């Protein structure tokens, strides 16, 4: 059963992996009531090979399944760098199982029969977490691309700016005239698309420290 609406690719996508058809049907319908797309899977191996890693969303994963356990699937996803948050479900939870799931990166661990409100709240939190994570990753990539455009001298100036030096101090440190420092500073703000010193430091201090 699939409850993905035809042509609907904008709403977050929830992958639901459970070998129990009745559970898949019930939870898929429940999840779809809050506007999330659902892709049910009965085979965890097929899920690992075929799911959309680029979509915004989350993964709902049963712990006990024939052939491969949900915890093994969780470990596989972590080793592959999959960033969708994972919510684990189990009808026979233990403290050790819960501990292992969180250590492997699970976002939530819920016991069956699953409380509807608890699952929906966990999914909404997971989706928000994933959106924020993707936004941060995109911002980091853009920052790195902009930083790569800087000349060696501009990187030197940036490093001194984020260290708190004034233009005069930068000029003395690099043996540059105040006007040249001002020019480099203006070029930095333009290339890095920063509108304030605080924004420049927030986005590029780490890069400047890592690439002196």
Protein backbone atom coordinates (compact mmCIF):
# COMPACT_ATOMS: atom_id res chain seq x y z
CA UNK A 1 0.00 0.00 0.00
CA UNK A 2 1.24 3.48 -0.82
CA UNK A 3 -0.43 6.69 0.26
CA UNK A 4 1.88 9.01 -1.68
CA UNK A 5 -0.32 11.42 -3.61
CA UNK A 6 0.41 11.41 -7.37
CA UNK A 7 2.57 14.34 -8.36
CA UNK A 8 3.00 15.47 -4.75
CA UNK A 9 6.72 16.00 -4.16
CA UNK A 10 6.63 19.05 -1.91
CA UNK A 11 5.41 17.64 1.41
CA UNK A 12 7.91 15.69 3.55
CA UNK A 13 8.22 11.97 2.86
CA UNK A 14 8.00 9.40 5.66
CA UNK A 15 9.42 5.93 5.04
CA UNK A 16 7.57 3.32 7.08
CA UNK A 17 9.34 -0.04 7.43
CA UNK A 18 7.42 -2.85 9.14
CA UNK A 19 6.85 -6.47 8.11
CA UNK A 20 3.30 -6.45 9.56
CA UNK A 21 0.86 -5.41 6.80
CA UNK A 22 -1.86 -4.38 9.25
CA UNK A 23 0.55 -2.11 11.13
CA UNK A 24 1.79 -0.55 7.89
CA UNK A 25 -1.75 0.17 6.73
CA UNK A 26 -2.86 1.71 10.02
CA UNK A 27 0.23 3.84 10.57
CA UNK A 28 0.40 4.97 6.93
CA UNK A 29 -3.17 6.27 7.12
CA UNK A 30 -2.49 7.91 10.48
CA UNK A 31 0.64 9.68 9.24
CA UNK A 32 -1.10 10.90 6.09
CA UNK A 33 -3.71 12.71 8.22
CA UNK A 34 -1.15 15.44 9.09
CA UNK A 35 -0.20 16.09 5.48
CA UNK A 36 2.91 13.93 5.28
CA UNK A 37 3.54 11.61 2.36
CA UNK A 38 4.12 7.97 3.31
CA UNK A 39 6.09 5.25 1.55
CA UNK A 40 5.49 1.87 3.26
CA UNK A 41 8.09 -0.91 2.99
CA UNK A 42 7.70 -4.55 4.06
CA UNK A 43 11.29 -5.51 3.21
CA UNK A 44 14.07 -3.58 5.00
CA UNK A 45 16.65 -4.69 2.44
CA UNK A 46 14.54 -3.29 -0.40
CA UNK A 47 14.18 -0.07 1.58
CA UNK A 48 17.94 0.30 2.05
CA UNK A 49 18.53 -0.19 -1.67
CA UNK A 50 15.66 1.88 -3.01
CA UNK A 51 14.61 4.76 -0.76
CA UNK A 52 15.02 8.41 -1.71
CA UNK A 53 17.93 9.76 0.34
CA UNK A 54 17.46 13.31 -0.95
CA UNK A 55 13.87 13.83 0.19
CA UNK A 56 13.03 15.84 3.29
CA UNK A 57 11.33 13.65 5.88
CA UNK A 58 11.93 10.88 8.38
CA UNK A 59 12.06 7.10 8.78
CA UNK A 60 9.77 4.98 10.98
CA UNK A 61 11.51 1.65 11.56
CA UNK A 62 10.31 -1.49 13.35
CA UNK A 63 12.95 -3.19 15.50
CA UNK A 64 11.94 -6.84 15.12
CA UNK A 65 11.69 -8.02 11.52
CA UNK A 66 12.62 -11.32 9.86
CA UNK A 67 15.96 -11.46 8.10
CA UNK A 68 17.41 -8.19 9.35
CA UNK A 69 16.63 -6.30 12.53
CA UNK A 70 15.70 -2.64 12.70
CA UNK A 71 18.82 -1.94 14.76
CA UNK A 72 20.97 -3.42 12.01
CA UNK A 73 19.17 -1.25 9.48
CA UNK A 74 19.79 1.77 11.73
CA UNK A 75 23.51 0.95 11.88
CA UNK A 76 23.59 0.61 8.08
CA UNK A 77 21.90 3.97 7.59
CA UNK A 78 24.36 5.62 9.98
CA UNK A 79 27.35 4.07 8.19
CA UNK A 80 26.03 5.38 4.86
CA UNK A 81 25.64 8.91 6.19
CA UNK A 82 21.85 8.97 5.80
CA UNK A 83 20.59 12.14 7.50
CA UNK A 84 16.84 11.48 7.75
CA UNK A 85 15.87 11.16 11.45
CA UNK A 86 14.87 7.62 12.45
CA UNK A 87 12.02 6.76 14.84
CA UNK A 88 12.28 3.20 16.16
CA UNK A 89 9.20 1.10 17.04
CA UNK A 90 9.17 -2.07 19.08
CA UNK A 91 6.71 -4.32 20.86
CA UNK A 92 9.41 -5.81 23.09
CA UNK A 93 11.62 -2.93 24.15
CA UNK A 94 14.43 -3.20 26.69
CA UNK A 95 16.65 -0.59 28.27
CA UNK A 96 19.65 -1.98 26.40
CA UNK A 97 17.79 -1.92 23.08
CA UNK A 98 16.73 1.67 23.69
CA UNK A 99 20.27 2.65 24.67
CA UNK A 100 21.73 1.03 21.56
CA UNK A 101 19.18 2.73 19.30
CA UNK A 102 19.95 6.20 20.65
CA UNK A 103 23.70 5.52 20.51
CA UNK A 104 23.28 4.64 16.82
CA UNK A 105 21.53 7.95 16.19
CA UNK A 106 17.79 7.22 16.56
CA UNK A 107 15.70 10.36 17.05
CA UNK A 108 13.01 8.59 19.09
CA UNK A 109 12.19 5.13 20.48
CA UNK A 110 8.50 4.25 20.87
CA UNK A 111 6.84 1.07 22.12
CA UNK A 112 3.99 -0.75 20.39
CA UNK A 113 1.08 -0.42 20.40
CA UNK A 114 2.14 3.05 19.41
CA UNK A 115 0.30 6.01 20.88
CA UNK A 116 -0.99 7.97 17.89
CA UNK A 117 -0.30 11.40 19.34
CA UNK A 118 3.19 10.41 20.47
CA UNK A 119 4.09 9.13 17.00
CA UNK A 120 2.71 12.16 15.18
CA UNK A 121 4.49 14.53 17.56
CA UNK A 122 7.74 12.61 17.11
CA UNK A 123 7.38 12.75 13.33
CA UNK A 124 6.67 16.47 13.27
CA UNK A 125 9.70 17.09 15.49
CA UNK A 126 11.83 14.83 13.28
CA UNK A 127 10.78 16.61 10.09
CA UNK A 128 11.52 20.02 11.63
CA UNK A 129 14.89 18.69 12.75
CA UNK A 130 15.64 17.42 9.24
CA UNK A 131 14.66 20.72 7.60
CA UNK A 132 16.96 22.64 9.96
CA UNK A 133 19.77 20.15 9.36
CA UNK A 134 19.47 20.44 5.58
CA UNK A 135 19.35 24.25 5.80
CA UNK A 136 22.53 24.28 7.89
CA UNK A 137 24.24 21.90 5.46
CA UNK A 138 23.26 24.06 2.50
CA UNK A 139 24.46 27.20 4.27
CA UNK A 140 27.77 25.49 5.09
CA UNK A 141 28.26 24.41 1.47
CA UNK A 142 27.52 27.90 0.21
CA UNK A 143 29.93 29.40 2.74
CA UNK A 144 32.68 27.02 1.62
CA UNK A 145 32.06 27.85 -2.04
CA UNK A 146 32.26 31.58 -1.34
CA UNK A 147 35.36 31.17 0.79
CA UNK A 148 37.04 29.27 -2.05
CA UNK A 149 36.68 32.39 -4.23
CA UNK A 150 38.91 34.47 -1.94
CA UNK A 151 42.49 35.24 -2.82
CA UNK A 152 45.27 34.27 -0.42
CA UNK A 153 45.57 37.89 0.73
CA UNK A 154 41.81 38.15 1.28
CA UNK A 155 41.92 35.02 3.42
CA UNK A 156 44.70 36.55 5.50
CA UNK A 157 42.65 39.70 6.01
CA UNK A 158 39.57 37.64 6.89
CA UNK A 159 41.50 35.67 9.48
CA UNK A 160 42.62 38.88 11.17
CA UNK A 161 39.14 40.41 11.01
CA UNK A 162 37.53 37.44 12.77
CA UNK A 163 40.38 37.56 15.31
CA UNK A 164 39.17 41.03 16.27
CA UNK A 165 41.87 43.22 14.77
CA UNK A 166 41.06 46.71 13.57
CA UNK A 167 41.91 47.92 10.07
CA UNK A 168 44.99 49.74 11.37
CA UNK A 169 46.18 46.62 13.18
CA UNK A 170 45.59 44.50 10.08
CA UNK A 171 47.55 47.01 8.01
CA UNK A 172 50.51 46.85 10.40
CA UNK A 173 50.37 43.04 10.57
CA UNK A 174 50.34 42.63 6.79
CA UNK A 175 52.31 45.75 5.90
CA UNK A 176 49.38 47.21 3.97
CA UNK A 177 48.06 50.75 3.70
CA UNK A 178 44.73 51.56 5.38
CA UNK A 179 43.16 52.10 1.97
CA UNK A 180 44.31 48.66 0.76
CA UNK A 181 42.88 47.03 3.90
CA UNK A 182 39.58 48.84 3.30
CA UNK A 183 39.54 47.56 -0.27
CA UNK A 184 40.18 43.98 0.83
CA UNK A 185 37.53 44.32 3.53
CA UNK A 186 34.94 45.58 1.04
CA UNK A 187 35.80 42.76 -1.37
CA UNK A 188 35.44 40.24 1.44
CA UNK A 189 31.97 41.42 2.40
CA UNK A 190 30.90 41.38 -1.26
CA UNK A 191 32.31 37.94 -2.10
CA UNK A 192 31.07 36.36 1.12
CA UNK A 193 27.68 38.08 0.83
CA UNK A 194 27.84 39.32 4.42
CA UNK A 195 25.97 42.43 5.46
CA UNK A 196 27.53 42.89 8.89
CA UNK A 197 30.65 42.02 10.85
CA UNK A 198 28.60 39.74 13.10
CA UNK A 199 27.32 37.80 10.08
CA UNK A 200 30.82 37.52 8.67
CA UNK A 201 32.18 36.13 11.93
CA UNK A 202 29.24 33.77 12.45
CA UNK A 203 29.53 32.19 9.01
CA UNK A 204 33.28 32.28 8.34
CA UNK A 205 35.21 32.26 11.62
CA UNK A 206 35.44 28.46 11.51
CA UNK A 207 36.68 28.42 7.92
CA UNK A 208 39.19 31.15 8.62
CA UNK A 209 40.55 29.22 11.63
CA UNK A 210 40.69 25.96 9.67
CA UNK A 211 42.46 27.54 6.67
CA UNK A 212 44.79 30.20 8.04
